[in-house]
């Protein structure tokens, strides 16, 4: 049985991924920090159980401090360093193994392209950007995989958009208001939203494991991005509720600060060019089918 090592196994993506991998016949083992009991990794001291990592078929790195919080100075530090330190420690350790994994998959984000690029269509070949805090985080995330890449391990950085599932993330946060009939577009609603349903993200990660030609940056988004207004309208329709309570940009910024400006009000039209050209097929490429399934996940 092929063995997969997974960080962030307790997150909503990690839980779904572990379940799917096990159904596909993989043996999944979680790489855990000291705070979670059985220790196999300690980012603070730079310790990691190398024997635990030996002979893995793949290593998938999902762990990181949550983005969805008010970005105080302390929160920003935790968000950035949790990704930089953890990814670097893991990549450097993998590079020194006697029997390293065939592939190292590490999360990143579409904010590698910045956060406000209206009227542009962005693919993996597009120019990246350093505009914004999340761009800084994404740069650090991807650069921290360097040791694994240099040692010859096939390394993939998943530039993920908004992950849709009722069990977690942005959609879970939005649902209470929409179910009360208080949902609506955020800001002008014209800003483009690049998204992916949780089920398709999980399938994409497994496809990456099994597709040896895939390496480097990979846009983990649906091939059909939508405006934030259209997303709100479709979600309200799915819940049989009205959609007439817009959230003004000033109010969103007041409530969530810089985090809102770069996420809720950001404008990125990102396409999964590498995945589609290499043959990955999305189960739910459009927002209508995507939300139908996401509300059940």
Protein backbone atom coordinates (compact mmCIF):
# COMPACT_ATOMS: atom_id res chain seq x y z
CA UNK A 1 0.00 0.00 0.00
CA UNK A 2 1.39 3.41 -0.99
CA UNK A 3 2.02 5.67 1.98
CA UNK A 4 1.06 9.37 1.97
CA UNK A 5 2.33 11.81 4.62
CA UNK A 6 -0.07 14.70 5.29
CA UNK A 7 0.25 17.90 7.30
CA UNK A 8 -2.83 19.91 8.23
CA UNK A 9 -4.86 16.70 8.45
CA UNK A 10 -7.27 18.28 10.95
CA UNK A 11 -8.28 21.15 8.68
CA UNK A 12 -11.39 20.94 6.53
CA UNK A 13 -9.32 20.32 3.37
CA UNK A 14 -7.11 17.83 5.17
CA UNK A 15 -10.02 15.80 6.51
CA UNK A 16 -11.66 15.54 3.10
CA UNK A 17 -8.36 14.72 1.41
CA UNK A 18 -7.47 11.98 3.89
CA UNK A 19 -10.88 10.35 3.50
CA UNK A 20 -10.66 10.43 -0.31
CA UNK A 21 -7.09 9.10 -0.38
CA UNK A 22 -7.99 6.19 1.87
CA UNK A 23 -10.94 5.32 -0.38
CA UNK A 24 -8.48 5.24 -3.28
CA UNK A 25 -6.37 2.67 -1.43
CA UNK A 26 -3.61 4.88 -0.04
CA UNK A 27 -2.28 4.65 3.50
CA UNK A 28 -2.42 8.15 4.99
CA UNK A 29 -0.37 9.20 8.03
CA UNK A 30 -0.49 12.65 9.60
CA UNK A 31 2.67 14.61 10.38
CA UNK A 32 1.79 16.30 13.66
CA UNK A 33 3.33 18.99 15.85
CA UNK A 34 4.06 18.52 19.54
CA UNK A 35 0.90 20.43 20.45
CA UNK A 36 -1.29 17.68 19.01
CA UNK A 37 0.03 14.81 21.11
CA UNK A 38 2.07 12.24 19.20
CA UNK A 39 4.95 14.39 17.98
CA UNK A 40 6.56 13.97 14.58
CA UNK A 41 7.47 17.62 14.00
CA UNK A 42 8.34 20.74 16.01
CA UNK A 43 8.68 23.88 13.88
CA UNK A 44 9.82 26.02 16.81
CA UNK A 45 12.94 23.92 17.44
CA UNK A 46 13.45 22.74 13.88
CA UNK A 47 13.01 19.09 14.83
CA UNK A 48 11.32 16.55 12.60
CA UNK A 49 11.17 12.77 12.71
CA UNK A 50 13.17 11.85 9.61
CA UNK A 51 12.48 8.13 9.97
CA UNK A 52 8.75 8.88 9.79
CA UNK A 53 9.27 10.56 6.42
CA UNK A 54 11.37 7.79 4.86
CA UNK A 55 9.80 5.72 2.06
CA UNK A 56 6.72 7.88 1.61
CA UNK A 57 5.13 7.79 -1.82
CA UNK A 58 4.10 11.46 -1.49
CA UNK A 59 4.18 14.26 1.06
CA UNK A 60 1.33 16.81 1.06
CA UNK A 61 1.80 20.00 3.07
CA UNK A 62 -1.45 21.82 3.95
CA UNK A 63 -0.68 23.22 7.41
CA UNK A 64 -0.58 26.94 8.20
CA UNK A 65 -2.03 29.62 10.48
CA UNK A 66 -5.58 30.57 9.31
CA UNK A 67 -5.77 33.50 6.88
CA UNK A 68 -9.37 34.43 7.80
CA UNK A 69 -8.75 36.65 10.82
CA UNK A 70 -8.04 40.33 11.43
CA UNK A 71 -4.45 40.96 10.39
CA UNK A 72 -2.82 42.46 13.44
CA UNK A 73 0.97 42.68 13.47
CA UNK A 74 1.08 39.52 15.56
CA UNK A 75 -1.38 37.66 13.31
CA UNK A 76 0.60 38.56 10.18
CA UNK A 77 3.77 37.27 11.76
CA UNK A 78 2.11 33.97 12.66
CA UNK A 79 0.54 33.57 9.20
CA UNK A 80 3.83 34.22 7.41
CA UNK A 81 6.18 32.29 9.67
CA UNK A 82 3.91 29.25 10.02
CA UNK A 83 4.22 28.76 6.28
CA UNK A 84 7.84 29.77 5.81
CA UNK A 85 9.25 27.81 8.75
CA UNK A 86 7.13 24.70 8.34
CA UNK A 87 7.61 24.43 4.59
CA UNK A 88 11.36 25.06 4.74
CA UNK A 89 11.86 22.53 7.53
CA UNK A 90 9.90 19.93 5.63
CA UNK A 91 11.59 20.60 2.28
CA UNK A 92 15.11 20.56 3.74
CA UNK A 93 14.43 17.34 5.61
CA UNK A 94 12.96 15.63 2.55
CA UNK A 95 16.04 16.63 0.54
CA UNK A 96 18.28 14.70 2.96
CA UNK A 97 16.31 11.45 3.13
CA UNK A 98 17.77 8.16 1.91
CA UNK A 99 14.42 7.32 0.30
CA UNK A 100 12.63 10.62 -0.45
CA UNK A 101 9.06 10.83 -1.72
CA UNK A 102 8.25 10.85 -5.41
CA UNK A 103 6.38 14.13 -5.05
CA UNK A 104 6.14 16.99 -2.57
CA UNK A 105 2.89 19.00 -2.82
CA UNK A 106 2.78 22.29 -0.93
CA UNK A 107 -0.06 24.77 -0.72
CA UNK A 108 0.27 28.33 -2.01
CA UNK A 109 -2.33 30.83 -3.19
CA UNK A 110 -3.53 32.76 -6.21
CA UNK A 111 -2.37 35.89 -4.43
CA UNK A 112 1.03 35.03 -5.89
CA UNK A 113 -0.40 37.21 -8.69
CA UNK A 114 -1.24 40.04 -6.26
CA UNK A 115 -4.79 40.91 -5.23
CA UNK A 116 -6.14 43.53 -7.66
CA UNK A 117 -5.66 42.88 -11.37
CA UNK A 118 -8.98 43.72 -13.03
CA UNK A 119 -9.51 42.91 -16.71
CA UNK A 120 -6.59 40.48 -16.77
CA UNK A 121 -6.76 36.72 -17.30
CA UNK A 122 -4.06 35.03 -15.23
CA UNK A 123 -2.44 31.64 -15.83
CA UNK A 124 0.68 29.96 -14.50
CA UNK A 125 2.68 31.75 -17.22
CA UNK A 126 1.45 35.22 -16.16
CA UNK A 127 3.70 37.67 -14.35
CA UNK A 128 3.55 37.29 -10.60
CA UNK A 129 3.26 40.20 -8.17
CA UNK A 130 4.53 41.27 -4.77
CA UNK A 131 1.56 43.58 -4.11
CA UNK A 132 -0.08 42.89 -0.77
CA UNK A 133 0.55 40.80 2.31
CA UNK A 134 -0.82 37.58 0.81
CA UNK A 135 1.59 37.94 -2.12
CA UNK A 136 4.41 38.14 0.42
CA UNK A 137 3.07 34.99 2.09
CA UNK A 138 2.76 33.14 -1.22
CA UNK A 139 6.31 34.09 -2.25
CA UNK A 140 7.69 32.79 1.06
CA UNK A 141 5.58 29.62 0.79
CA UNK A 142 6.87 28.76 -2.67
CA UNK A 143 10.49 29.80 -2.09
CA UNK A 144 10.59 27.61 1.02
CA UNK A 145 10.23 24.48 -1.15
CA UNK A 146 13.62 25.23 -2.77
CA UNK A 147 15.61 22.47 -1.05
CA UNK A 148 13.17 19.78 -2.21
CA UNK A 149 13.22 21.10 -5.78
CA UNK A 150 17.02 21.32 -5.88
CA UNK A 151 17.36 17.74 -4.63
CA UNK A 152 15.31 16.48 -7.57
CA UNK A 153 12.01 15.81 -5.79
CA UNK A 154 9.06 16.61 -8.04
CA UNK A 155 7.56 19.63 -6.30
CA UNK A 156 4.17 21.24 -6.94
CA UNK A 157 2.91 24.51 -5.44
CA UNK A 158 -0.90 24.64 -5.47
CA UNK A 159 -2.00 28.23 -6.05
CA UNK A 160 -5.45 27.80 -4.56
CA UNK A 161 -8.42 30.12 -4.87
CA UNK A 162 -11.47 30.29 -2.59
CA UNK A 163 -12.27 26.71 -1.55
CA UNK A 164 -16.03 26.16 -1.39
CA UNK A 165 -17.58 23.72 1.07
CA UNK A 166 -20.32 24.09 3.67
CA UNK A 167 -18.05 22.36 6.20
CA UNK A 168 -15.45 25.11 6.33
CA UNK A 169 -13.74 28.15 4.86
CA UNK A 170 -15.45 31.15 3.30
CA UNK A 171 -18.72 29.43 2.41
CA UNK A 172 -19.32 28.21 5.95
CA UNK A 173 -18.82 31.79 7.18
CA UNK A 174 -21.28 33.21 4.63
CA UNK A 175 -24.08 30.68 5.07
CA UNK A 176 -25.74 32.01 8.27
CA UNK A 177 -26.38 35.45 6.73
CA UNK A 178 -27.57 34.01 3.41
CA UNK A 179 -29.90 31.55 5.14
CA UNK A 180 -31.50 34.49 6.94
CA UNK A 181 -32.04 36.28 3.64
CA UNK A 182 -29.37 38.84 4.50
CA UNK A 183 -26.84 37.89 1.84
CA UNK A 184 -25.73 40.00 -1.07
CA UNK A 185 -22.76 41.23 -3.08
CA UNK A 186 -19.70 42.61 -1.34
CA UNK A 187 -18.57 46.05 -2.41
CA UNK A 188 -19.42 46.70 -6.07
CA UNK A 189 -19.78 42.98 -6.69
CA UNK A 190 -17.90 43.42 -9.96
CA UNK A 191 -14.66 41.97 -8.62
CA UNK A 192 -13.85 38.53 -10.01
CA UNK A 193 -13.72 35.53 -7.71
CA UNK A 194 -11.52 32.54 -8.55
CA UNK A 195 -12.85 29.52 -6.70
CA UNK A 196 -12.72 25.73 -6.51
CA UNK A 197 -15.11 23.25 -4.89
CA UNK A 198 -13.55 21.19 -2.09
CA UNK A 199 -14.31 17.93 -3.90
CA UNK A 200 -12.52 19.09 -7.05
CA UNK A 201 -9.54 20.35 -5.04
CA UNK A 202 -9.20 16.95 -3.39
CA UNK A 203 -9.43 15.19 -6.76
CA UNK A 204 -6.88 17.62 -8.21
CA UNK A 205 -4.38 16.85 -5.44
CA UNK A 206 -4.71 13.11 -6.06
CA UNK A 207 -4.34 13.75 -9.81
CA UNK A 208 -1.09 15.64 -9.10
CA UNK A 209 0.22 12.67 -7.11
CA UNK A 210 -0.52 10.31 -9.96
CA UNK A 211 0.54 12.58 -12.83
CA UNK A 212 4.38 12.52 -13.02
CA UNK A 213 4.59 15.30 -15.62
CA UNK A 214 3.00 17.85 -13.28
CA UNK A 215 5.45 20.05 -11.39
CA UNK A 216 6.01 23.68 -10.45
CA UNK A 217 3.17 26.17 -9.85
CA UNK A 218 -0.36 24.89 -10.45
CA UNK A 219 -3.48 27.07 -10.32
CA UNK A 220 -6.00 25.15 -8.20
CA UNK A 221 -9.12 26.97 -9.36
CA UNK A 222 -12.22 26.28 -11.43
CA UNK A 223 -11.98 27.07 -15.16
CA UNK A 224 -14.99 29.40 -14.77
CA UNK A 225 -14.31 32.29 -12.34
CA UNK A 226 -17.31 34.49 -11.57
CA UNK A 227 -18.05 37.99 -10.34
CA UNK A 228 -18.71 38.26 -6.63
CA UNK A 229 -22.22 39.53 -7.41
CA UNK A 230 -23.03 36.51 -9.56
CA UNK A 231 -21.69 34.19 -6.88
CA UNK A 232 -23.97 35.83 -4.28
CA UNK A 233 -26.98 35.59 -6.57
CA UNK A 234 -26.43 31.88 -7.26
CA UNK A 235 -25.86 31.08 -3.60
CA UNK A 236 -29.06 32.90 -2.57
CA UNK A 237 -31.00 31.07 -5.26
CA UNK A 238 -29.70 27.70 -4.06
CA UNK A 239 -30.91 28.55 -0.55
CA UNK A 240 -34.25 29.92 -1.83
CA UNK A 241 -33.53 33.31 -0.30
CA UNK A 242 -33.41 36.87 -1.68
CA UNK A 243 -30.15 38.59 -2.53
CA UNK A 244 -30.59 42.30 -1.87
CA UNK A 245 -28.40 43.15 1.14
CA UNK A 246 -25.09 44.37 -0.27
CA UNK A 247 -22.16 44.91 2.07
CA UNK A 248 -20.55 48.28 1.22
CA UNK A 249 -16.79 48.22 0.71
CA UNK A 250 -16.24 50.74 3.49
CA UNK A 251 -18.14 48.59 5.99
CA UNK A 252 -16.24 45.43 5.02
CA UNK A 253 -12.91 47.26 5.34
CA UNK A 254 -13.96 48.65 8.72
CA UNK A 255 -14.87 45.18 9.97
CA UNK A 256 -11.96 43.18 8.54
CA UNK A 257 -9.28 45.70 7.60
CA UNK A 258 -6.54 44.75 5.13
CA UNK A 259 -7.72 41.15 5.04
CA UNK A 260 -10.98 42.28 3.41
CA UNK A 261 -9.19 44.44 0.85
CA UNK A 262 -7.02 41.56 -0.36
CA UNK A 263 -9.61 38.78 -0.20
CA UNK A 264 -13.26 39.87 -0.21
CA UNK A 265 -12.60 42.94 -2.36
CA UNK A 266 -9.70 41.55 -4.37
CA UNK A 267 -10.11 41.09 -8.12
CA UNK A 268 -8.31 38.14 -9.74
CA UNK A 269 -9.41 36.15 -12.79
CA UNK A 270 -7.27 33.01 -12.59
CA UNK A 271 -7.50 30.00 -14.88
CA UNK A 272 -6.12 26.45 -14.30
CA UNK A 273 -4.21 26.31 -17.57
CA UNK A 274 -1.67 23.64 -16.56
CA UNK A 275 -4.27 21.26 -15.11
CA UNK A 276 -6.64 21.52 -18.07
CA UNK A 277 -3.86 21.22 -20.67
CA UNK A 278 -2.54 18.11 -18.94
CA UNK A 279 -5.95 16.45 -18.87
CA UNK A 280 -7.56 17.11 -15.50
CA UNK A 281 -11.36 17.23 -15.74
CA UNK A 282 -13.34 19.24 -13.18
CA UNK A 283 -16.52 17.58 -11.89
CA UNK A 284 -18.08 20.99 -11.22
CA UNK A 285 -16.48 23.62 -13.48
CA UNK A 286 -19.33 26.16 -13.17
CA UNK A 287 -20.60 27.96 -10.07
CA UNK A 288 -24.11 26.53 -10.35
CA UNK A 289 -23.03 22.89 -10.13
CA UNK A 290 -20.17 23.86 -7.81
CA UNK A 291 -22.43 25.38 -5.18
CA UNK A 292 -24.96 22.55 -5.50
CA UNK A 293 -22.26 20.07 -4.49
CA UNK A 294 -20.38 22.39 -2.10
CA UNK A 295 -23.51 22.84 0.04
CA UNK A 296 -23.42 19.09 0.66
CA UNK A 297 -19.72 18.90 1.54
